[in-house]
Amino acid sequence: MVRLSIVSVLLAVALAVAWLASSWPERALAWAGLALLLVQFAFIGHDAGHGSIARGPALNGALGQLAMTLVTGLAFDEWIGRHRAHHRFCQDETRDPDMDVAAVASLTEEACRQKDAFGRFMTRHQALHLWLLAFFFGHSQRHLSQAAVLCAPRRYPIDAAMLGAHFALWFGLPCGLLGVSLSEAFLAYAVPLTLLGPYLAAIFWVNHIGMPLVRDIEEFSFFEHQALTSRTILNPRRWNWLFGGLNFQIEHHLFPQVPSHRLAAVQPIVREEFARRGIPYNGTTWYEAVRMVAAHFGRVARSA
């Protein structure tokens, strides 16, 4: 709650500068600040979705709606449904929603074979263009979630109502009450998410891309499944905040209800258990993880 209060105050300041600043350098600084704040709100929404913030599901749901839907525009109920499916079916390309990538790229050879000519063309060159398309990663996630709610508002009634409040915050307030032009409000809405895209890609693409696929999850225990398909990023402790604690991806998948800021304390216990069972612990540096992700994209590209 303290964290949410602090980032909310900072959000109000950053929005005021982005909307009302008289110079472009001030606006650019505000946009960068908004990008960093948006990811903090997303981290809070993520923990709320796993029931990690409050004791009751109702309060966790309310906090998730405030932090995620109202502020970031990522519909909380719709997103957490997909995210829980990702945890349950991690690296099963037929059931893990995070592996359902559109025409611009392919995560597996099978996904490439199922694409049309344009999709195969994009896959063939994905080792080059995918890093540039990372700037649109945040936009794609927001659009995917909002489109799902707009197509089924009765299924996600709270999301639909909170998305209305979201657009009132980002456009109604500045344009209707503060005299901000629509173009200025749009820049404050779109530019931070564009800046945020590579950051999101840098901390999330390394978690699972290139890890083994699992086709018959039922043949594995929960422990084996999560250990096989997740990758933990090993870095100096002072950098954990950049990842929101989710660099401990193995630990998060094994214990999703543990708050992300406490996963560092869980890691020694997990590594000891892995060693006791003789199971390899998929921990590596961020640079090595990026190299592995790039190599995987390249292998799939060559298959096209």
Protein backbone atom coordinates (compact mmCIF):
# COMPACT_ATOMS: atom_id res chain seq x y z
CA MET A 1 0.00 0.00 0.00
CA VAL A 2 2.88 2.37 0.77
CA ARG A 3 4.45 1.57 -2.59
CA LEU A 4 1.16 2.21 -4.38
CA SER A 5 0.73 5.54 -2.59
CA ILE A 6 4.24 6.70 -3.50
CA VAL A 7 4.00 5.81 -7.18
CA SER A 8 0.51 7.38 -7.35
CA VAL A 9 1.88 10.72 -6.11
CA LEU A 10 4.76 10.50 -8.59
CA LEU A 11 2.29 9.66 -11.36
CA ALA A 12 0.25 12.79 -10.62
CA VAL A 13 3.41 14.92 -10.80
CA ALA A 14 4.63 13.31 -14.02
CA LEU A 15 1.22 13.68 -15.69
CA ALA A 16 1.00 17.33 -14.70
CA VAL A 17 4.40 18.03 -16.24
CA ALA A 18 3.63 15.99 -19.37
CA TRP A 19 0.35 17.85 -19.91
CA LEU A 20 1.24 21.38 -18.81
CA ALA A 21 4.98 21.82 -19.39
CA SER A 22 5.92 24.69 -21.68
CA SER A 23 9.10 23.14 -23.10
CA TRP A 24 9.78 19.91 -24.96
CA PRO A 25 12.73 18.87 -22.73
CA GLU A 26 10.42 19.02 -19.71
CA ARG A 27 7.82 16.93 -21.51
CA ALA A 28 10.44 14.40 -22.63
CA LEU A 29 11.62 14.04 -19.04
CA ALA A 30 8.01 13.55 -17.90
CA TRP A 31 7.43 10.90 -20.60
CA ALA A 32 10.50 8.98 -19.42
CA GLY A 33 9.25 9.22 -15.83
CA LEU A 34 5.81 7.98 -16.86
CA ALA A 35 7.38 4.97 -18.59
CA LEU A 36 9.18 3.96 -15.40
CA LEU A 37 6.06 4.53 -13.32
CA LEU A 38 3.84 2.49 -15.63
CA VAL A 39 6.00 -0.58 -15.17
CA GLN A 40 5.87 -0.12 -11.39
CA PHE A 41 2.07 -0.06 -11.52
CA ALA A 42 2.16 -3.17 -13.70
CA PHE A 43 4.37 -4.92 -11.12
CA ILE A 44 1.86 -4.04 -8.40
CA GLY A 45 -1.01 -5.34 -10.53
CA HIS A 46 0.91 -8.53 -11.20
CA ASP A 47 1.44 -9.20 -7.49
CA ALA A 48 -2.20 -8.39 -6.77
CA GLY A 49 -3.27 -10.87 -9.43
CA HIS A 50 -1.33 -13.59 -7.64
CA GLY A 51 -2.86 -12.62 -4.30
CA SER A 52 0.48 -11.40 -2.99
CA ILE A 53 -0.45 -7.97 -1.63
CA ALA A 54 -3.54 -8.33 0.55
CA ARG A 55 -5.01 -11.28 2.43
CA GLY A 56 -8.41 -11.26 0.75
CA PRO A 57 -9.16 -11.75 -2.96
CA ALA A 58 -11.53 -8.77 -3.03
CA LEU A 59 -8.85 -6.30 -1.91
CA ASN A 60 -6.28 -7.84 -4.23
CA GLY A 61 -8.74 -7.50 -7.09
CA ALA A 62 -9.44 -3.86 -6.23
CA LEU A 63 -5.74 -3.04 -6.03
CA GLY A 64 -5.12 -4.84 -9.30
CA GLN A 65 -7.87 -2.89 -11.04
CA LEU A 66 -6.53 0.42 -9.71
CA ALA A 67 -2.88 -0.26 -10.46
CA MET A 68 -3.26 -2.07 -13.76
CA THR A 69 -6.54 -1.21 -15.50
CA LEU A 70 -7.00 2.39 -14.34
CA VAL A 71 -3.39 3.45 -14.74
CA THR A 72 -1.77 1.26 -17.40
CA GLY A 73 -4.84 0.41 -19.49
CA LEU A 74 -4.08 -3.32 -19.31
CA ALA A 75 -7.39 -4.92 -18.32
CA PHE A 76 -6.68 -6.67 -15.03
CA ASP A 77 -9.23 -9.52 -15.00
CA GLU A 78 -8.63 -10.36 -18.66
CA TRP A 79 -4.85 -10.24 -18.24
CA ILE A 80 -4.67 -12.28 -15.05
CA GLY A 81 -6.77 -15.00 -16.69
CA ARG A 82 -4.22 -15.29 -19.49
CA HIS A 83 -1.33 -15.01 -17.08
CA ARG A 84 -2.58 -17.86 -14.89
CA ALA A 85 -2.97 -19.98 -18.01
CA HIS A 86 0.65 -19.14 -18.85
CA HIS A 87 1.74 -20.41 -15.43
CA ARG A 88 -0.28 -23.59 -15.77
CA PHE A 89 0.73 -24.39 -19.36
CA CYS A 90 4.14 -22.73 -19.53
CA GLN A 91 5.96 -23.55 -22.80
CA ASP A 92 3.08 -25.63 -24.16
CA GLU A 93 2.69 -23.87 -27.49
CA THR A 94 -0.92 -25.02 -27.90
CA ARG A 95 -2.09 -23.81 -24.48
CA ASP A 96 0.35 -21.17 -23.22
CA PRO A 97 -1.16 -17.81 -24.33
CA ASP A 98 2.24 -16.11 -24.11
CA MET A 99 3.39 -18.27 -27.02
CA ASP A 100 0.56 -17.11 -29.27
CA VAL A 101 2.49 -14.52 -31.28
CA ALA A 102 1.01 -12.69 -34.26
CA ALA A 103 2.37 -12.52 -37.81
CA VAL A 104 5.47 -10.46 -36.96
CA ALA A 105 7.42 -13.33 -35.39
CA SER A 106 7.45 -17.03 -34.53
CA LEU A 107 8.62 -18.56 -31.26
CA THR A 108 8.79 -22.12 -32.63
CA GLU A 109 9.27 -23.91 -35.93
CA GLU A 110 5.73 -25.28 -35.70
CA ALA A 111 4.32 -21.75 -35.27
CA CYS A 112 6.27 -20.69 -38.35
CA ARG A 113 4.86 -23.55 -40.44
CA GLN A 114 1.32 -22.49 -39.56
CA LYS A 115 1.81 -18.92 -40.77
CA ASP A 116 0.95 -17.55 -44.20
CA ALA A 117 3.51 -16.23 -46.66
CA PHE A 118 3.76 -12.84 -44.95
CA GLY A 119 4.21 -14.45 -41.54
CA ARG A 120 6.98 -16.71 -42.85
CA PHE A 121 8.66 -13.71 -44.48
CA MET A 122 8.60 -11.81 -41.19
CA THR A 123 9.88 -14.86 -39.33
CA ARG A 124 12.73 -15.25 -41.80
CA HIS A 125 14.01 -11.79 -40.83
CA GLN A 126 12.93 -11.74 -37.19
CA ALA A 127 16.49 -11.92 -35.88
CA LEU A 128 16.90 -8.36 -37.17
CA HIS A 129 13.54 -6.64 -36.92
CA LEU A 130 12.28 -8.09 -33.65
CA TRP A 131 14.49 -5.87 -31.53
CA LEU A 132 13.11 -2.80 -33.29
CA LEU A 133 9.56 -4.06 -32.88
CA ALA A 134 10.22 -4.22 -29.14
CA PHE A 135 9.24 -0.53 -29.08
CA PHE A 136 5.68 -1.67 -29.85
CA PHE A 137 5.66 -4.49 -27.30
CA GLY A 138 3.86 -2.46 -24.63
CA HIS A 139 1.30 -1.22 -27.16
CA SER A 140 0.59 -4.76 -28.35
CA GLN A 141 -0.03 -5.98 -24.81
CA ARG A 142 -2.37 -3.09 -24.05
CA HIS A 143 -4.23 -3.47 -27.36
CA LEU A 144 -4.59 -7.25 -26.93
CA SER A 145 -6.13 -6.85 -23.49
CA GLN A 146 -8.43 -3.95 -24.36
CA ALA A 147 -9.65 -5.64 -27.53
CA ALA A 148 -10.56 -8.78 -25.59
CA VAL A 149 -12.65 -6.73 -23.16
CA LEU A 150 -14.36 -4.72 -25.91
CA CYS A 151 -15.28 -7.96 -27.69
CA ALA A 152 -16.75 -9.50 -24.52
CA PRO A 153 -17.74 -6.72 -22.08
CA ARG A 154 -20.23 -8.95 -20.27
CA ARG A 155 -17.46 -11.39 -19.48
CA TYR A 156 -15.26 -8.61 -18.07
CA PRO A 157 -17.70 -6.03 -16.65
CA ILE A 158 -15.29 -4.58 -14.08
CA ASP A 159 -12.54 -4.30 -16.70
CA ALA A 160 -14.94 -2.53 -19.04
CA ALA A 161 -15.97 0.00 -16.38
CA MET A 162 -12.37 0.61 -15.27
CA LEU A 163 -11.20 1.05 -18.86
CA GLY A 164 -13.77 3.84 -19.13
CA ALA A 165 -12.19 5.42 -16.05
CA HIS A 166 -8.75 4.84 -17.59
CA PHE A 167 -9.58 6.88 -20.69
CA ALA A 168 -11.24 9.52 -18.54
CA LEU A 169 -8.00 9.85 -16.58
CA TRP A 170 -5.68 10.02 -19.57
CA PHE A 171 -7.89 12.06 -21.93
CA GLY A 172 -11.01 13.37 -20.21
CA LEU A 173 -9.17 15.03 -17.33
CA PRO A 174 -6.49 16.88 -19.35
CA CYS A 175 -8.66 17.77 -22.36
CA GLY A 176 -11.92 18.44 -20.53
CA LEU A 177 -10.72 20.17 -17.37
CA LEU A 178 -7.16 21.36 -17.90
CA GLY A 179 -7.41 22.72 -21.44
CA VAL A 180 -4.77 20.36 -22.82
CA SER A 181 -4.99 19.66 -26.53
CA LEU A 182 -5.87 16.16 -27.70
CA SER A 183 -2.49 15.81 -29.43
CA GLU A 184 -0.62 16.66 -26.22
CA ALA A 185 -2.72 14.20 -24.25
CA PHE A 186 -2.13 11.53 -26.88
CA LEU A 187 1.64 12.04 -26.74
CA ALA A 188 1.57 11.64 -22.96
CA TYR A 189 -0.43 8.43 -23.45
CA ALA A 190 1.53 6.84 -26.29
CA VAL A 191 5.17 7.93 -25.98
CA PRO A 192 5.83 6.48 -22.48
CA LEU A 193 4.52 3.08 -23.55
CA THR A 194 6.73 3.23 -26.64
CA LEU A 195 9.77 4.00 -24.49
CA LEU A 196 8.73 1.21 -22.14
CA GLY A 197 8.61 -1.46 -24.86
CA PRO A 198 12.34 -2.36 -24.99
CA TYR A 199 12.48 -2.33 -21.18
CA LEU A 200 9.58 -4.78 -20.97
CA ALA A 201 11.15 -6.96 -23.64
CA ALA A 202 14.49 -6.91 -21.82
CA ILE A 203 13.02 -8.17 -18.56
CA PHE A 204 10.33 -10.56 -19.86
CA TRP A 205 11.64 -12.12 -23.06
CA VAL A 206 14.55 -13.67 -21.15
CA ASN A 207 12.25 -15.58 -18.79
CA HIS A 208 11.08 -18.39 -21.08
CA ILE A 209 12.01 -17.83 -24.75
CA GLY A 210 14.34 -20.60 -25.87
CA MET A 211 13.50 -22.87 -22.96
CA PRO A 212 12.34 -26.45 -23.73
CA LEU A 213 8.82 -26.98 -25.01
CA VAL A 214 6.49 -29.22 -23.03
CA ARG A 215 3.91 -31.11 -25.06
CA ASP A 216 2.47 -33.46 -22.43
CA ILE A 217 2.38 -31.42 -19.22
CA GLU A 218 0.38 -34.09 -17.45
CA GLU A 219 3.41 -36.41 -17.60
CA PHE A 220 5.44 -34.03 -15.43
CA SER A 221 5.05 -33.04 -11.81
CA PHE A 222 4.38 -29.38 -11.08
CA PHE A 223 7.94 -29.04 -9.78
CA GLU A 224 9.50 -30.64 -12.85
CA HIS A 225 7.40 -28.59 -15.25
CA GLN A 226 8.25 -25.21 -13.74
CA ALA A 227 11.93 -26.12 -13.26
CA LEU A 228 12.26 -27.17 -16.89
CA THR A 229 10.58 -24.22 -18.57
CA SER A 230 11.71 -21.17 -16.57
CA ARG A 231 14.98 -19.24 -16.48
CA THR A 232 16.20 -17.17 -13.51
CA ILE A 233 18.42 -14.16 -14.19
CA LEU A 234 21.41 -13.97 -11.86
CA ASN A 235 22.56 -10.42 -11.24
CA PRO A 236 23.86 -8.26 -8.38
CA ARG A 237 21.17 -7.77 -5.75
CA ARG A 238 21.10 -4.01 -6.30
CA TRP A 239 19.62 -4.57 -9.79
CA ASN A 240 16.66 -6.69 -8.69
CA TRP A 241 14.38 -3.64 -8.63
CA LEU A 242 14.85 -3.22 -12.40
CA PHE A 243 13.12 -6.57 -12.89
CA GLY A 244 10.52 -6.00 -10.20
CA GLY A 245 11.90 -9.12 -8.53
CA LEU A 246 10.69 -11.25 -11.45
CA ASN A 247 14.23 -12.05 -12.53
CA PHE A 248 13.72 -14.92 -10.07
CA GLN A 249 11.43 -16.58 -12.58
CA ILE A 250 11.96 -20.16 -11.43
CA GLU A 251 11.11 -19.14 -7.90
CA HIS A 252 8.10 -17.14 -9.07
CA HIS A 253 6.69 -20.06 -11.04
CA LEU A 254 7.19 -22.44 -8.16
CA PHE A 255 5.72 -20.03 -5.59
CA PRO A 256 3.52 -17.52 -7.49
CA GLN A 257 1.84 -16.23 -4.32
CA VAL A 258 5.13 -15.07 -2.79
CA PRO A 259 5.47 -11.27 -3.25
CA SER A 260 8.03 -10.51 -5.94
CA HIS A 261 10.23 -8.47 -3.58
CA ARG A 262 10.66 -11.54 -1.35
CA LEU A 263 11.68 -13.99 -4.08
CA ALA A 264 15.37 -13.26 -3.47
CA ALA A 265 15.00 -14.81 -0.02
CA VAL A 266 13.37 -17.89 -1.56
CA GLN A 267 16.14 -18.49 -4.09
CA PRO A 268 18.71 -20.17 -1.74
CA ILE A 269 16.03 -22.62 -0.56
CA VAL A 270 15.07 -23.46 -4.15
CA ARG A 271 18.68 -23.93 -5.28
CA GLU A 272 19.36 -26.22 -2.32
CA GLU A 273 16.32 -28.33 -3.20
CA PHE A 274 17.37 -28.50 -6.86
CA ALA A 275 20.83 -29.69 -5.82
CA ARG A 276 19.33 -32.28 -3.45
CA ARG A 277 17.13 -33.68 -6.24
CA GLY A 278 19.89 -33.52 -8.86
CA ILE A 279 17.88 -31.17 -11.08
CA PRO A 280 19.78 -28.53 -13.13
CA TYR A 281 19.01 -24.98 -12.01
CA ASN A 282 18.46 -22.77 -15.07
CA GLY A 283 20.14 -19.64 -13.76
CA THR A 284 22.25 -17.38 -15.95
CA THR A 285 23.31 -13.77 -16.39
CA TRP A 286 21.12 -11.34 -18.28
CA TYR A 287 23.68 -10.99 -21.08
CA GLU A 288 23.89 -14.75 -21.53
CA ALA A 289 20.09 -15.00 -21.47
CA VAL A 290 19.81 -12.36 -24.21
CA ARG A 291 22.37 -14.29 -26.26
CA MET A 292 20.30 -17.47 -25.82
CA VAL A 293 17.10 -15.67 -26.82
CA ALA A 294 18.77 -14.18 -29.91
CA ALA A 295 20.16 -17.60 -30.88
CA HIS A 296 16.69 -19.12 -30.53
CA PHE A 297 15.10 -16.45 -32.71
CA GLY A 298 17.84 -17.07 -35.26
CA ARG A 299 17.23 -20.84 -35.32
CA VAL A 300 13.51 -20.36 -35.88
CA ALA A 301 14.23 -17.76 -38.58
CA ARG A 302 16.43 -20.20 -40.46
CA SER A 303 13.67 -22.79 -40.36
CA ALA A 304 11.47 -20.37 -42.33
